[in-house]
PDB file of N, CA and C in Angstrom:
ATOM      1  N   GLN A   1     -13.215 -15.027 -63.444  1.00  0.00           N
ATOM      2  CA  GLN A   1     -12.855 -14.298 -62.436  1.00  0.00           C
ATOM      3  C   GLN A   1     -12.823 -12.818 -62.420  1.00  0.00           C
ATOM      4  N   GLU A   2     -12.167 -12.549 -63.911  1.00  0.00           N
ATOM      5  CA  GLU A   2     -12.071 -11.068 -64.115  1.00  0.00           C
ATOM      6  C   GLU A   2     -13.454 -10.424 -64.115  1.00  0.00           C
ATOM      7  N   GLU A   3     -14.371 -11.198 -64.766  1.00  0.00           N
ATOM      8  CA  GLU A   3     -15.664 -10.273 -65.074  1.00  0.00           C
ATOM      9  C   GLU A   3     -16.333 -10.396 -63.639  1.00  0.00           C
ATOM     10  N   ASN A   4     -16.343 -11.260 -62.726  1.00  0.00           N
ATOM     11  CA  ASN A   4     -16.727 -11.246 -61.379  1.00  0.00           C
ATOM     12  C   ASN A   4     -16.106 -10.235 -60.536  1.00  0.00           C
ATOM     13  N   LEU A   5     -14.710  -9.966 -60.732  1.00  0.00           N
ATOM     14  CA  LEU A   5     -14.160  -8.766 -60.095  1.00  0.00           C
ATOM     15  C   LEU A   5     -14.511  -7.285 -60.620  1.00  0.00           C
ATOM     16  N   GLY A   6     -14.591  -7.243 -61.960  1.00  0.00           N
ATOM     17  CA  GLY A   6     -15.111  -6.209 -62.450  1.00  0.00           C
ATOM     18  C   GLY A   6     -16.500  -5.493 -61.901  1.00  0.00           C
ATOM     19  N   LYS A   7     -17.586  -6.762 -61.878  1.00  0.00           N
ATOM     20  CA  LYS A   7     -18.890  -6.287 -61.297  1.00  0.00           C
ATOM     21  C   LYS A   7     -18.839  -6.049 -59.759  1.00  0.00           C
ATOM     22  N   LYS A   8     -17.880  -6.546 -59.048  1.00  0.00           N
ATOM     23  CA  LYS A   8     -17.657  -6.213 -57.539  1.00  0.00           C
ATOM     24  C   LYS A   8     -17.246  -4.876 -57.709  1.00  0.00           C
ATOM     25  N   LEU A   9     -16.098  -4.590 -58.591  1.00  0.00           N
ATOM     26  CA  LEU A   9     -15.762  -3.154 -58.487  1.00  0.00           C
ATOM     27  C   LEU A   9     -16.523  -2.099 -58.793  1.00  0.00           C
ATOM     28  N   THR A  10     -17.692  -2.547 -59.762  1.00  0.00           N
ATOM     29  CA  THR A  10     -18.731  -1.333 -60.280  1.00  0.00           C
ATOM     30  C   THR A  10     -19.516  -1.236 -58.885  1.00  0.00           C
ATOM     31  N   ALA A  11     -19.975  -2.348 -58.256  1.00  0.00           N
ATOM     32  CA  ALA A  11     -20.742  -2.204 -57.049  1.00  0.00           C
ATOM     33  C   ALA A  11     -20.281  -1.324 -56.212  1.00  0.00           C
ATOM     34  N   VAL A  12     -19.018  -1.486 -55.795  1.00  0.00           N
ATOM     35  CA  VAL A  12     -18.043  -0.637 -54.721  1.00  0.00           C
ATOM     36  C   VAL A  12     -18.111   0.825 -55.257  1.00  0.00           C
ATOM     37  N   LYS A  13     -17.874   1.146 -56.549  1.00  0.00           N
ATOM     38  CA  LYS A  13     -17.823   2.391 -56.855  1.00  0.00           C
ATOM     39  C   LYS A  13     -19.153   3.116 -56.622  1.00  0.00           C
ATOM     40  N   GLN A  14     -20.197   2.283 -57.143  1.00  0.00           N
ATOM     41  CA  GLN A  14     -21.425   2.875 -56.870  1.00  0.00           C
ATOM     42  C   GLN A  14     -21.943   3.219 -55.426  1.00  0.00           C
ATOM     43  N   ALA A  15     -21.512   2.244 -54.654  1.00  0.00           N
ATOM     44  CA  ALA A  15     -21.839   2.492 -53.065  1.00  0.00           C
ATOM     45  C   ALA A  15     -21.055   3.923 -52.699  1.00  0.00           C
ATOM     46  N   ILE A  16     -19.699   3.818 -53.140  1.00  0.00           N
ATOM     47  CA  ILE A  16     -19.021   5.038 -52.616  1.00  0.00           C
ATOM     48  C   ILE A  16     -19.714   6.350 -53.071  1.00  0.00           C
ATOM     49  N   SER A  17     -20.149   6.224 -54.363  1.00  0.00           N
ATOM     50  CA  SER A  17     -20.647   7.574 -55.075  1.00  0.00           C
ATOM     51  C   SER A  17     -22.108   7.906 -54.407  1.00  0.00           C
ATOM     52  N   GLU A  18     -22.705   6.974 -53.621  1.00  0.00           N
ATOM     53  CA  GLU A  18     -24.056   7.226 -53.177  1.00  0.00           C
ATOM     54  C   GLU A  18     -23.800   7.403 -51.681  1.00  0.00           C
ATOM     55  N   LYS A  19     -22.831   7.180 -51.190  1.00  0.00           N
ATOM     56  CA  LYS A  19     -22.682   7.293 -49.561  1.00  0.00           C
ATOM     57  C   LYS A  19     -22.546   8.877 -49.337  1.00  0.00           C
ATOM     58  N   ARG A  20     -23.255   9.199 -48.379  1.00  0.00           N
ATOM     59  CA  ARG A  20     -23.638  10.847 -47.889  1.00  0.00           C
ATOM     60  C   ARG A  20     -22.980  10.889 -46.705  1.00  0.00           C
ATOM     61  N   ASN A  21     -21.873  11.591 -46.525  1.00  0.00           N
ATOM     62  CA  ASN A  21     -21.088  11.614 -45.137  1.00  0.00           C
ATOM     63  C   ASN A  21     -21.458  13.328 -44.597  1.00  0.00           C
ATOM     64  N   PRO A  22     -21.906  13.038 -43.527  1.00  0.00           N
ATOM     65  CA  PRO A  22     -22.475  14.371 -42.871  1.00  0.00           C
ATOM     66  C   PRO A  22     -21.387  15.257 -42.414  1.00  0.00           C
ATOM     67  N   SER A  23     -20.205  14.594 -42.440  1.00  0.00           N
ATOM     68  CA  SER A  23     -19.162  15.411 -41.686  1.00  0.00           C
ATOM     69  C   SER A  23     -18.738  16.723 -42.079  1.00  0.00           C
ATOM     70  N   THR A  24     -18.723  17.062 -43.467  1.00  0.00           N
ATOM     71  CA  THR A  24     -18.677  18.497 -43.962  1.00  0.00           C
ATOM     72  C   THR A  24     -19.810  19.501 -43.528  1.00  0.00           C
ATOM     73  N   ILE A  25     -20.960  18.877 -43.461  1.00  0.00           N
ATOM     74  CA  ILE A  25     -22.085  19.885 -42.876  1.00  0.00           C
ATOM     75  C   ILE A  25     -21.863  20.179 -41.252  1.00  0.00           C
ATOM     76  N   LEU A  26     -21.540  18.878 -41.015  1.00  0.00           N
ATOM     77  CA  LEU A  26     -21.274  19.168 -39.237  1.00  0.00           C
ATOM     78  C   LEU A  26     -20.314  20.303 -39.084  1.00  0.00           C
ATOM     79  N   LEU A  27     -19.167  20.010 -39.788  1.00  0.00           N
ATOM     80  CA  LEU A  27     -18.011  20.997 -39.618  1.00  0.00           C
ATOM     81  C   LEU A  27     -18.697  22.412 -40.034  1.00  0.00           C
ATOM     82  N   TYR A  28     -19.127  22.624 -40.985  1.00  0.00           N
ATOM     83  CA  TYR A  28     -19.568  23.916 -41.266  1.00  0.00           C
ATOM     84  C   TYR A  28     -20.516  24.549 -40.057  1.00  0.00           C
ATOM     85  N   LEU A  29     -21.481  23.664 -39.517  1.00  0.00           N
ATOM     86  CA  LEU A  29     -22.339  24.129 -38.563  1.00  0.00           C
ATOM     87  C   LEU A  29     -21.287  24.792 -37.384  1.00  0.00           C
ATOM     88  N   ALA A  30     -20.326  23.616 -36.965  1.00  0.00           N
ATOM     89  CA  ALA A  30     -19.451  24.025 -35.782  1.00  0.00           C
ATOM     90  C   ALA A  30     -18.783  25.453 -36.107  1.00  0.00           C
ATOM     91  N   LYS A  31     -18.329  25.598 -37.477  1.00  0.00           N
ATOM     92  CA  LYS A  31     -17.639  26.937 -37.739  1.00  0.00           C
ATOM     93  C   LYS A  31     -18.424  28.179 -37.669  1.00  0.00           C
ATOM     94  N   ASN A  32     -19.754  27.938 -37.755  1.00  0.00           N
ATOM     95  CA  ASN A  32     -20.671  29.225 -38.357  1.00  0.00           C
ATOM     96  C   ASN A  32     -21.675  29.286 -37.379  1.00  0.00           C
ATOM     97  N   ILE A  33     -21.477  28.677 -36.076  1.00  0.00           N
ATOM     98  CA  ILE A  33     -22.640  28.898 -35.191  1.00  0.00           C
ATOM     99  C   ILE A  33     -22.383  30.079 -34.270  1.00  0.00           C
ATOM    100  N   PRO A  34     -23.165  30.794 -33.957  1.00  0.00           N
ATOM    101  CA  PRO A  34     -22.883  31.974 -33.149  1.00  0.00           C
ATOM    102  C   PRO A  34     -22.577  31.535 -31.555  1.00  0.00           C
ATOM    103  N   GLN A  35     -22.076  32.350 -30.811  1.00  0.00           N
ATOM    104  CA  GLN A  35     -21.629  31.987 -29.502  1.00  0.00           C
ATOM    105  C   GLN A  35     -22.855  31.819 -28.591  1.00  0.00           C
ATOM    106  N   GLU A  36     -23.830  32.613 -28.816  1.00  0.00           N
ATOM    107  CA  GLU A  36     -24.963  32.693 -28.219  1.00  0.00           C
ATOM    108  C   GLU A  36     -26.113  31.728 -28.280  1.00  0.00           C
ATOM    109  N   LEU A  37     -25.510  30.686 -29.108  1.00  0.00           N
ATOM    110  CA  LEU A  37     -26.499  29.627 -29.639  1.00  0.00           C
ATOM    111  C   LEU A  37     -25.961  28.339 -29.479  1.00  0.00           C
ATOM    112  N   TRP A  38     -26.865  27.366 -28.809  1.00  0.00           N
ATOM    113  CA  TRP A  38     -26.498  26.064 -28.506  1.00  0.00           C
ATOM    114  C   TRP A  38     -27.297  25.115 -29.186  1.00  0.00           C
ATOM    115  N   ILE A  39     -26.577  24.228 -29.930  1.00  0.00           N
ATOM    116  CA  ILE A  39     -27.297  22.931 -30.598  1.00  0.00           C
ATOM    117  C   ILE A  39     -27.696  22.028 -29.558  1.00  0.00           C
ATOM    118  N   LYS A  40     -28.868  21.418 -29.548  1.00  0.00           N
ATOM    119  CA  LYS A  40     -29.319  20.361 -28.634  1.00  0.00           C
ATOM    120  C   LYS A  40     -29.511  19.032 -29.247  1.00  0.00           C
ATOM    121  N   GLU A  41     -30.101  19.283 -30.614  1.00  0.00           N
ATOM    122  CA  GLU A  41     -30.211  17.973 -31.383  1.00  0.00           C
ATOM    123  C   GLU A  41     -30.180  18.336 -32.780  1.00  0.00           C
ATOM    124  N   ILE A  42     -29.742  17.375 -33.466  1.00  0.00           N
ATOM    125  CA  ILE A  42     -29.457  17.281 -34.943  1.00  0.00           C
ATOM    126  C   ILE A  42     -30.084  15.939 -35.654  1.00  0.00           C
ATOM    127  N   SER A  43     -31.066  15.893 -36.493  1.00  0.00           N
ATOM    128  CA  SER A  43     -31.321  14.703 -37.176  1.00  0.00           C
ATOM    129  C   SER A  43     -31.274  15.124 -38.704  1.00  0.00           C
ATOM    130  N   ILE A  44     -30.787  14.188 -39.403  1.00  0.00           N
ATOM    131  CA  ILE A  44     -30.473  14.292 -41.002  1.00  0.00           C
ATOM    132  C   ILE A  44     -30.879  12.963 -41.468  1.00  0.00           C
ATOM    133  N   ASP A  45     -32.041  13.132 -42.543  1.00  0.00           N
ATOM    134  CA  ASP A  45     -32.402  11.946 -43.378  1.00  0.00           C
ATOM    135  C   ASP A  45     -31.831  12.445 -44.876  1.00  0.00           C
ATOM    136  N   ASP A  46     -32.618  11.646 -45.705  1.00  0.00           N
ATOM    137  CA  ASP A  46     -32.144  11.986 -47.178  1.00  0.00           C
ATOM    138  C   ASP A  46     -32.155  13.405 -47.821  1.00  0.00           C
ATOM    139  N   VAL A  47     -33.350  13.914 -47.585  1.00  0.00           N
ATOM    140  CA  VAL A  47     -33.478  15.369 -48.005  1.00  0.00           C
ATOM    141  C   VAL A  47     -33.713  16.589 -46.828  1.00  0.00           C
ATOM    142  N   LYS A  48     -33.515  16.361 -45.534  1.00  0.00           N
ATOM    143  CA  LYS A  48     -34.045  17.276 -44.621  1.00  0.00           C
ATOM    144  C   LYS A  48     -32.981  17.037 -43.443  1.00  0.00           C
ATOM    145  N   MET A  49     -32.565  18.182 -42.895  1.00  0.00           N
ATOM    146  CA  MET A  49     -31.987  18.191 -41.675  1.00  0.00           C
ATOM    147  C   MET A  49     -32.704  19.239 -40.649  1.00  0.00           C
ATOM    148  N   ILE A  50     -32.848  18.737 -39.426  1.00  0.00           N
ATOM    149  CA  ILE A  50     -33.580  19.396 -38.384  1.00  0.00           C
ATOM    150  C   ILE A  50     -32.741  19.736 -37.432  1.00  0.00           C
ATOM    151  N   ILE A  51     -32.479  20.991 -36.880  1.00  0.00           N
ATOM    152  CA  ILE A  51     -31.750  21.361 -35.964  1.00  0.00           C
ATOM    153  C   ILE A  51     -32.626  21.808 -34.724  1.00  0.00           C
ATOM    154  N   LYS A  52     -32.278  21.486 -33.661  1.00  0.00           N
ATOM    155  CA  LYS A  52     -33.084  22.093 -32.494  1.00  0.00           C
ATOM    156  C   LYS A  52     -31.939  22.677 -31.359  1.00  0.00           C
ATOM    157  N   GLY A  53     -32.349  23.741 -30.734  1.00  0.00           N
ATOM    158  CA  GLY A  53     -31.225  24.272 -29.796  1.00  0.00           C
ATOM    159  C   GLY A  53     -31.993  25.363 -29.091  1.00  0.00           C
ATOM    160  N   GLU A  54     -31.204  26.194 -28.551  1.00  0.00           N
ATOM    161  CA  GLU A  54     -31.358  27.306 -27.634  1.00  0.00           C
ATOM    162  C   GLU A  54     -30.359  28.248 -27.779  1.00  0.00           C
ATOM    163  N   ALA A  55     -30.987  29.440 -27.740  1.00  0.00           N
ATOM    164  CA  ALA A  55     -29.988  30.646 -27.974  1.00  0.00           C
ATOM    165  C   ALA A  55     -30.576  31.832 -27.055  1.00  0.00           C
ATOM    166  N   LEU A  56     -29.718  32.783 -26.512  1.00  0.00           N
ATOM    167  CA  LEU A  56     -29.912  33.707 -25.763  1.00  0.00           C
ATOM    168  C   LEU A  56     -30.692  35.042 -26.375  1.00  0.00           C
ATOM    169  N   ASP A  57     -30.738  35.021 -27.765  1.00  0.00           N
ATOM    170  CA  ASP A  57     -31.586  36.031 -28.252  1.00  0.00           C
ATOM    171  C   ASP A  57     -31.887  35.506 -29.564  1.00  0.00           C
ATOM    172  N   TYR A  58     -32.823  36.364 -30.183  1.00  0.00           N
ATOM    173  CA  TYR A  58     -33.382  35.952 -31.517  1.00  0.00           C
ATOM    174  C   TYR A  58     -32.220  36.411 -32.636  1.00  0.00           C
ATOM    175  N   ALA A  59     -31.552  37.372 -32.232  1.00  0.00           N
ATOM    176  CA  ALA A  59     -30.424  37.919 -33.332  1.00  0.00           C
ATOM    177  C   ALA A  59     -29.618  36.807 -33.704  1.00  0.00           C
ATOM    178  N   SER A  60     -29.191  36.070 -32.525  1.00  0.00           N
ATOM    179  CA  SER A  60     -28.320  34.865 -32.842  1.00  0.00           C
ATOM    180  C   SER A  60     -28.886  33.719 -33.748  1.00  0.00           C
ATOM    181  N   ILE A  61     -30.142  33.768 -33.493  1.00  0.00           N
ATOM    182  CA  ILE A  61     -30.898  32.680 -34.337  1.00  0.00           C
ATOM    183  C   ILE A  61     -30.915  33.132 -35.796  1.00  0.00           C
ATOM    184  N   GLY A  62     -31.258  34.442 -35.941  1.00  0.00           N
ATOM    185  CA  GLY A  62     -31.204  35.080 -37.280  1.00  0.00           C
ATOM    186  C   GLY A  62     -29.947  34.960 -38.182  1.00  0.00           C
ATOM    187  N   THR A  63     -28.846  35.320 -37.226  1.00  0.00           N
ATOM    188  CA  THR A  63     -27.451  35.065 -37.735  1.00  0.00           C
ATOM    189  C   THR A  63     -27.156  33.618 -38.343  1.00  0.00           C
ATOM    190  N   PHE A  64     -27.645  32.503 -37.379  1.00  0.00           N
ATOM    191  CA  PHE A  64     -27.302  31.231 -37.613  1.00  0.00           C
ATOM    192  C   PHE A  64     -28.051  30.790 -38.857  1.00  0.00           C
ATOM    193  N   VAL A  65     -29.213  31.241 -39.182  1.00  0.00           N
ATOM    194  CA  VAL A  65     -30.053  30.955 -40.081  1.00  0.00           C
ATOM    195  C   VAL A  65     -29.633  31.546 -41.478  1.00  0.00           C
ATOM    196  N   ASN A  66     -28.887  32.701 -41.324  1.00  0.00           N
ATOM    197  CA  ASN A  66     -28.360  33.440 -42.543  1.00  0.00           C
ATOM    198  C   ASN A  66     -26.969  32.563 -42.886  1.00  0.00           C
ATOM    199  N   ASN A  67     -26.549  32.193 -41.871  1.00  0.00           N
ATOM    200  CA  ASN A  67     -25.178  31.485 -42.044  1.00  0.00           C
ATOM    201  C   ASN A  67     -25.529  30.029 -42.816  1.00  0.00           C
ATOM    202  N   LEU A  68     -26.484  29.551 -42.732  1.00  0.00           N
ATOM    203  CA  LEU A  68     -26.928  28.175 -43.252  1.00  0.00           C
ATOM    204  C   LEU A  68     -27.403  28.447 -44.461  1.00  0.00           C
ATOM    205  N   ARG A  69     -28.108  29.686 -44.800  1.00  0.00           N
ATOM    206  CA  ARG A  69     -28.682  29.869 -46.315  1.00  0.00           C
ATOM    207  C   ARG A  69     -27.468  30.114 -47.062  1.00  0.00           C
ATOM    208  N   THR A  70     -26.303  30.641 -46.640  1.00  0.00           N
ATOM    209  CA  THR A  70     -24.919  31.019 -47.627  1.00  0.00           C
ATOM    210  C   THR A  70     -24.342  29.689 -47.701  1.00  0.00           C
ATOM    211  N   SER A  71     -24.542  28.631 -47.020  1.00  0.00           N
ATOM    212  CA  SER A  71     -23.716  27.288 -47.138  1.00  0.00           C
ATOM    213  C   SER A  71     -24.009  26.733 -48.591  1.00  0.00           C
ATOM    214  N   ILE A  72     -22.848  26.194 -49.066  1.00  0.00           N
ATOM    215  CA  ILE A  72     -22.989  25.428 -50.343  1.00  0.00           C
ATOM    216  C   ILE A  72     -23.585  24.069 -50.174  1.00  0.00           C
ATOM    217  N   PHE A  73     -23.758  23.476 -48.886  1.00  0.00           N
ATOM    218  CA  PHE A  73     -24.234  22.396 -48.572  1.00  0.00           C
ATOM    219  C   PHE A  73     -25.571  22.268 -48.321  1.00  0.00           C
ATOM    220  N   ILE A  74     -26.292  23.471 -48.044  1.00  0.00           N
ATOM    221  CA  ILE A  74     -27.820  23.461 -47.746  1.00  0.00           C
ATOM    222  C   ILE A  74     -28.588  24.278 -48.701  1.00  0.00           C
ATOM    223  N   LYS A  75     -29.677  23.644 -49.039  1.00  0.00           N
ATOM    224  CA  LYS A  75     -30.343  24.196 -50.277  1.00  0.00           C
ATOM    225  C   LYS A  75     -31.185  25.347 -49.639  1.00  0.00           C
ATOM    226  N   ASP A  76     -31.614  25.415 -48.539  1.00  0.00           N
ATOM    227  CA  ASP A  76     -32.602  26.233 -47.913  1.00  0.00           C
ATOM    228  C   ASP A  76     -32.711  26.219 -46.312  1.00  0.00           C
ATOM    229  N   ALA A  77     -32.693  27.125 -45.847  1.00  0.00           N
ATOM    230  CA  ALA A  77     -32.917  27.013 -44.342  1.00  0.00           C
ATOM    231  C   ALA A  77     -34.178  27.962 -43.835  1.00  0.00           C
ATOM    232  N   ASN A  78     -35.114  27.519 -42.944  1.00  0.00           N
ATOM    233  CA  ASN A  78     -35.936  28.080 -42.509  1.00  0.00           C
ATOM    234  C   ASN A  78     -36.274  28.093 -40.875  1.00  0.00           C
ATOM    235  N   ILE A  79     -36.807  28.860 -40.153  1.00  0.00           N
ATOM    236  CA  ILE A  79     -37.246  29.000 -38.880  1.00  0.00           C
ATOM    237  C   ILE A  79     -38.413  28.401 -38.922  1.00  0.00           C
ATOM    238  N   MET A  80     -38.745  26.890 -38.286  1.00  0.00           N
ATOM    239  CA  MET A  80     -39.975  26.264 -38.022  1.00  0.00           C
ATOM    240  C   MET A  80     -40.972  26.719 -37.033  1.00  0.00           C
ATOM    241  N   ASN A  81     -40.157  26.973 -35.983  1.00  0.00           N
ATOM    242  CA  ASN A  81     -40.765  27.108 -34.614  1.00  0.00           C
ATOM    243  C   ASN A  81     -39.788  27.758 -33.650  1.00  0.00           C
ATOM    244  N   THR A  82     -40.350  28.752 -32.988  1.00  0.00           N
ATOM    245  CA  THR A  82     -39.656  29.484 -31.756  1.00  0.00           C
ATOM    246  C   THR A  82     -40.467  29.440 -30.512  1.00  0.00           C
ATOM    247  N   SER A  83     -39.947  29.474 -29.332  1.00  0.00           N
ATOM    248  CA  SER A  83     -40.602  29.725 -27.954  1.00  0.00           C
ATOM    249  C   SER A  83     -39.722  30.317 -27.240  1.00  0.00           C
ATOM    250  N   SER A  84     -40.332  31.090 -26.153  1.00  0.00           N
ATOM    251  CA  SER A  84     -39.296  31.808 -25.329  1.00  0.00           C
ATOM    252  C   SER A  84     -39.480  31.093 -23.786  1.00  0.00           C
ATOM    253  N   ILE A  85     -38.572  30.714 -23.359  1.00  0.00           N
ATOM    254  CA  ILE A  85     -38.342  29.960 -22.017  1.00  0.00           C
ATOM    255  C   ILE A  85     -37.303  30.726 -21.115  1.00  0.00           C
ATOM    256  N   VAL A  86     -37.704  30.977 -19.776  1.00  0.00           N
ATOM    257  CA  VAL A  86     -36.685  31.466 -19.098  1.00  0.00           C
ATOM    258  C   VAL A  86     -36.000  30.315 -17.955  1.00  0.00           C
ATOM    259  N   HIS A  87     -34.640  30.207 -18.441  1.00  0.00           N
ATOM    260  CA  HIS A  87     -34.087  29.193 -17.192  1.00  0.00           C
ATOM    261  C   HIS A  87     -33.571  29.989 -15.994  1.00  0.00           C
ATOM    262  N   GLU A  88     -33.573  29.331 -14.857  1.00  0.00           N
ATOM    263  CA  GLU A  88     -32.883  29.875 -13.805  1.00  0.00           C
ATOM    264  C   GLU A  88     -31.651  29.445 -13.712  1.00  0.00           C
TER     265      GLU A  88
END
């Protein structure tokens, strides 16, 4: 029983060490998003995070990307696509 319990404990420790909780990244995003920018969609997989949203101006997008680049949680941040839409 002791050996079996040791194996289970090892498996639990490994599962915990591999668990990735996005809460720290999401908290960082919430604290570092410019007031003129709104996040509409976030998707996260093992190695990539995609953020889609809207902004009042390009300066706030640049500020947000720079904030992401200075994060210890994010390796690199780039703008993949932009478009201009006028909402009434």
